[in-house]
Amino acid sequence: MSYTFDILGVSPILYFFNQQQDRKQKQPTGVEYVASYKCSLDALIQSVENISPNPSWDIDKVVDTVIKFWMHNSESIEYWKARLKDAGRENLLVGRVADVNSLRTELELLFDG
């Protein structure tokens, strides 16, 4: 199974919490959103390791995907690190981790709906 990770943006803590609560009431999709107070590799890995494990996911491969993202996207990381700092302490860095097929399906549903 292939995985993907991307940083999506910065969000107020309460908004992210409410979105996560809404997602918990829906059927699992193979797409998870993670958040961190810090824009660091360690913080992102920890947030990925703390998600509810999808039984079919290989968590080591998921973590490896985050590491590869970090190594190949330094400009994006610096950008989001600055945006998180600008936003202040009441905000989180938000990322998305997914198996590629589930993400493709979710995006197709958005465009078809």
C-alpha atoms as a PDB file:
ATOM      1  CA  MET A   1       0.000   0.000   0.000  1.00  0.00           C
ATOM      2  CA  SER A   2       1.270   3.494  -0.855  1.00  0.00           C
ATOM      3  CA  TYR A   3       0.819   6.473   1.439  1.00  0.00           C
ATOM      4  CA  THR A   4       0.894  10.223   1.021  1.00  0.00           C
ATOM      5  CA  PHE A   5       1.475  13.066   3.443  1.00  0.00           C
ATOM      6  CA  ASP A   6       1.100  16.805   2.998  1.00  0.00           C
ATOM      7  CA  ILE A   7       0.900  19.888   5.153  1.00  0.00           C
ATOM      8  CA  LEU A   8      -2.454  21.559   4.522  1.00  0.00           C
ATOM      9  CA  GLY A   9      -2.225  24.722   6.558  1.00  0.00           C
ATOM     10  CA  VAL A  10      -2.692  26.361   9.926  1.00  0.00           C
ATOM     11  CA  SER A  11      -5.939  26.160  11.877  1.00  0.00           C
ATOM     12  CA  PRO A  12      -7.333  27.451  15.170  1.00  0.00           C
ATOM     13  CA  ILE A  13      -7.267  24.668  17.758  1.00  0.00           C
ATOM     14  CA  LEU A  14     -11.027  24.649  18.363  1.00  0.00           C
ATOM     15  CA  TYR A  15     -11.858  24.502  14.651  1.00  0.00           C
ATOM     16  CA  PHE A  16      -9.556  21.512  14.139  1.00  0.00           C
ATOM     17  CA  PHE A  17     -11.006  19.775  17.207  1.00  0.00           C
ATOM     18  CA  ASN A  18     -14.570  20.265  15.922  1.00  0.00           C
ATOM     19  CA  GLN A  19     -13.629  18.940  12.473  1.00  0.00           C
ATOM     20  CA  GLN A  20     -12.078  15.848  14.049  1.00  0.00           C
ATOM     21  CA  GLN A  21     -15.220  15.248  16.116  1.00  0.00           C
ATOM     22  CA  ASP A  22     -17.353  15.459  12.963  1.00  0.00           C
ATOM     23  CA  ARG A  23     -15.050  13.015  11.148  1.00  0.00           C
ATOM     24  CA  LYS A  24     -15.240  10.502  14.022  1.00  0.00           C
ATOM     25  CA  GLN A  25     -18.992  10.204  13.480  1.00  0.00           C
ATOM     26  CA  LYS A  26     -18.486   9.170   9.859  1.00  0.00           C
ATOM     27  CA  GLN A  27     -17.226   5.896   8.474  1.00  0.00           C
ATOM     28  CA  PRO A  28     -13.397   5.673   8.304  1.00  0.00           C
ATOM     29  CA  THR A  29     -12.078   6.611   4.873  1.00  0.00           C
ATOM     30  CA  GLY A  30      -8.352   5.838   4.918  1.00  0.00           C
ATOM     31  CA  VAL A  31      -7.632   9.571   5.126  1.00  0.00           C
ATOM     32  CA  GLU A  32      -6.558  11.069   8.455  1.00  0.00           C
ATOM     33  CA  TYR A  33      -5.886  14.649   9.474  1.00  0.00           C
ATOM     34  CA  VAL A  34      -3.175  15.324  12.034  1.00  0.00           C
ATOM     35  CA  ALA A  35      -2.118  18.448  13.883  1.00  0.00           C
ATOM     36  CA  SER A  36       0.825  19.750  15.842  1.00  0.00           C
ATOM     37  CA  TYR A  37       1.723  22.834  17.846  1.00  0.00           C
ATOM     38  CA  LYS A  38       5.188  22.736  16.276  1.00  0.00           C
ATOM     39  CA  CYS A  39       6.433  22.477  12.717  1.00  0.00           C
ATOM     40  CA  SER A  40       9.130  19.877  13.298  1.00  0.00           C
ATOM     41  CA  LEU A  41       9.740  16.391  11.986  1.00  0.00           C
ATOM     42  CA  ASP A  42       9.503  14.904  15.478  1.00  0.00           C
ATOM     43  CA  ALA A  43       6.171  16.629  16.147  1.00  0.00           C
ATOM     44  CA  LEU A  44       4.682  15.454  12.842  1.00  0.00           C
ATOM     45  CA  ILE A  45       5.865  11.879  13.377  1.00  0.00           C
ATOM     46  CA  GLN A  46       4.348  11.899  16.859  1.00  0.00           C
ATOM     47  CA  SER A  47       1.035  13.203  15.518  1.00  0.00           C
ATOM     48  CA  VAL A  48       0.971  10.441  12.888  1.00  0.00           C
ATOM     49  CA  GLU A  49       1.813   7.768  15.460  1.00  0.00           C
ATOM     50  CA  ASN A  50      -1.061   9.003  17.657  1.00  0.00           C
ATOM     51  CA  ILE A  51      -3.839   8.650  15.080  1.00  0.00           C
ATOM     52  CA  SER A  52      -6.311   5.818  15.481  1.00  0.00           C
ATOM     53  CA  PRO A  53      -4.605   3.003  13.660  1.00  0.00           C
ATOM     54  CA  ASN A  54      -6.214   1.871  10.458  1.00  0.00           C
ATOM     55  CA  PRO A  55      -5.977  -1.941  10.640  1.00  0.00           C
ATOM     56  CA  SER A  56      -4.612  -2.209   7.107  1.00  0.00           C
ATOM     57  CA  TRP A  57      -1.969   0.525   7.506  1.00  0.00           C
ATOM     58  CA  ASP A  58       1.707  -0.230   7.990  1.00  0.00           C
ATOM     59  CA  ILE A  59       2.549   2.521  10.491  1.00  0.00           C
ATOM     60  CA  ASP A  60       6.288   2.220   9.751  1.00  0.00           C
ATOM     61  CA  LYS A  61       5.618   2.990   6.081  1.00  0.00           C
ATOM     62  CA  VAL A  62       3.359   5.877   7.065  1.00  0.00           C
ATOM     63  CA  VAL A  63       6.125   7.357   9.240  1.00  0.00           C
ATOM     64  CA  ASP A  64       8.613   6.805   6.405  1.00  0.00           C
ATOM     65  CA  THR A  65       6.279   8.769   4.111  1.00  0.00           C
ATOM     66  CA  VAL A  66       6.317  11.704   6.550  1.00  0.00           C
ATOM     67  CA  ILE A  67      10.121  11.580   6.729  1.00  0.00           C
ATOM     68  CA  LYS A  68      10.414  11.566   2.929  1.00  0.00           C
ATOM     69  CA  PHE A  69       8.035  14.528   2.717  1.00  0.00           C
ATOM     70  CA  TRP A  70      10.165  16.398   5.252  1.00  0.00           C
ATOM     71  CA  MET A  71      13.389  15.675   3.364  1.00  0.00           C
ATOM     72  CA  HIS A  72      12.058  16.737  -0.051  1.00  0.00           C
ATOM     73  CA  ASN A  73       9.963  19.811   0.788  1.00  0.00           C
ATOM     74  CA  SER A  74      12.193  22.211   2.721  1.00  0.00           C
ATOM     75  CA  GLU A  75      10.738  25.361   1.117  1.00  0.00           C
ATOM     76  CA  SER A  76       7.180  24.326   1.941  1.00  0.00           C
ATOM     77  CA  ILE A  77       8.190  23.419   5.495  1.00  0.00           C
ATOM     78  CA  GLU A  78       9.854  26.794   6.060  1.00  0.00           C
ATOM     79  CA  TYR A  79       6.766  28.527   4.670  1.00  0.00           C
ATOM     80  CA  TRP A  80       4.397  26.669   7.032  1.00  0.00           C
ATOM     81  CA  LYS A  81       6.755  27.082   9.973  1.00  0.00           C
ATOM     82  CA  ALA A  82       6.581  30.872   9.448  1.00  0.00           C
ATOM     83  CA  ARG A  83       2.776  30.825   9.004  1.00  0.00           C
ATOM     84  CA  LEU A  84       2.360  28.841  12.232  1.00  0.00           C
ATOM     85  CA  LYS A  85       4.553  31.309  14.108  1.00  0.00           C
ATOM     86  CA  ASP A  86       2.626  34.264  12.610  1.00  0.00           C
ATOM     87  CA  ALA A  87      -0.712  32.702  13.599  1.00  0.00           C
ATOM     88  CA  GLY A  88       0.139  32.535  17.291  1.00  0.00           C
ATOM     89  CA  ARG A  89      -0.148  30.004  20.072  1.00  0.00           C
ATOM     90  CA  GLU A  90      -3.840  29.210  19.650  1.00  0.00           C
ATOM     91  CA  ASN A  91      -3.243  27.549  16.278  1.00  0.00           C
ATOM     92  CA  LEU A  92      -2.062  24.213  14.957  1.00  0.00           C
ATOM     93  CA  LEU A  93      -0.199  23.016  11.901  1.00  0.00           C
ATOM     94  CA  VAL A  94      -2.530  20.636  10.048  1.00  0.00           C
ATOM     95  CA  GLY A  95      -1.435  17.773   7.837  1.00  0.00           C
ATOM     96  CA  ARG A  96      -3.102  14.934   5.980  1.00  0.00           C
ATOM     97  CA  VAL A  97      -1.922  11.350   5.804  1.00  0.00           C
ATOM     98  CA  ALA A  98      -3.702   8.824   3.637  1.00  0.00           C
ATOM     99  CA  ASP A  99      -3.334   5.709   1.629  1.00  0.00           C
ATOM    100  CA  VAL A 100      -3.199   6.860  -1.978  1.00  0.00           C
ATOM    101  CA  ASN A 101      -6.247   4.902  -3.165  1.00  0.00           C
ATOM    102  CA  SER A 102      -8.478   6.217  -0.360  1.00  0.00           C
ATOM    103  CA  LEU A 103      -7.382   9.789  -1.006  1.00  0.00           C
ATOM    104  CA  ARG A 104      -8.095   9.393  -4.713  1.00  0.00           C
ATOM    105  CA  THR A 105     -11.572   8.045  -3.918  1.00  0.00           C
ATOM    106  CA  GLU A 106     -12.306  10.872  -1.468  1.00  0.00           C
ATOM    107  CA  LEU A 107     -11.228  13.520  -3.986  1.00  0.00           C
ATOM    108  CA  GLU A 108     -13.293  11.927  -6.768  1.00  0.00           C
ATOM    109  CA  LEU A 109     -16.353  11.997  -4.497  1.00  0.00           C
ATOM    110  CA  LEU A 110     -15.790  15.707  -3.880  1.00  0.00           C
ATOM    111  CA  PHE A 111     -15.653  16.446  -7.598  1.00  0.00           C
ATOM    112  CA  ASP A 112     -18.608  14.204  -8.463  1.00  0.00           C
ATOM    113  CA  GLY A 113     -20.788  15.458  -5.608  1.00  0.00           C
END
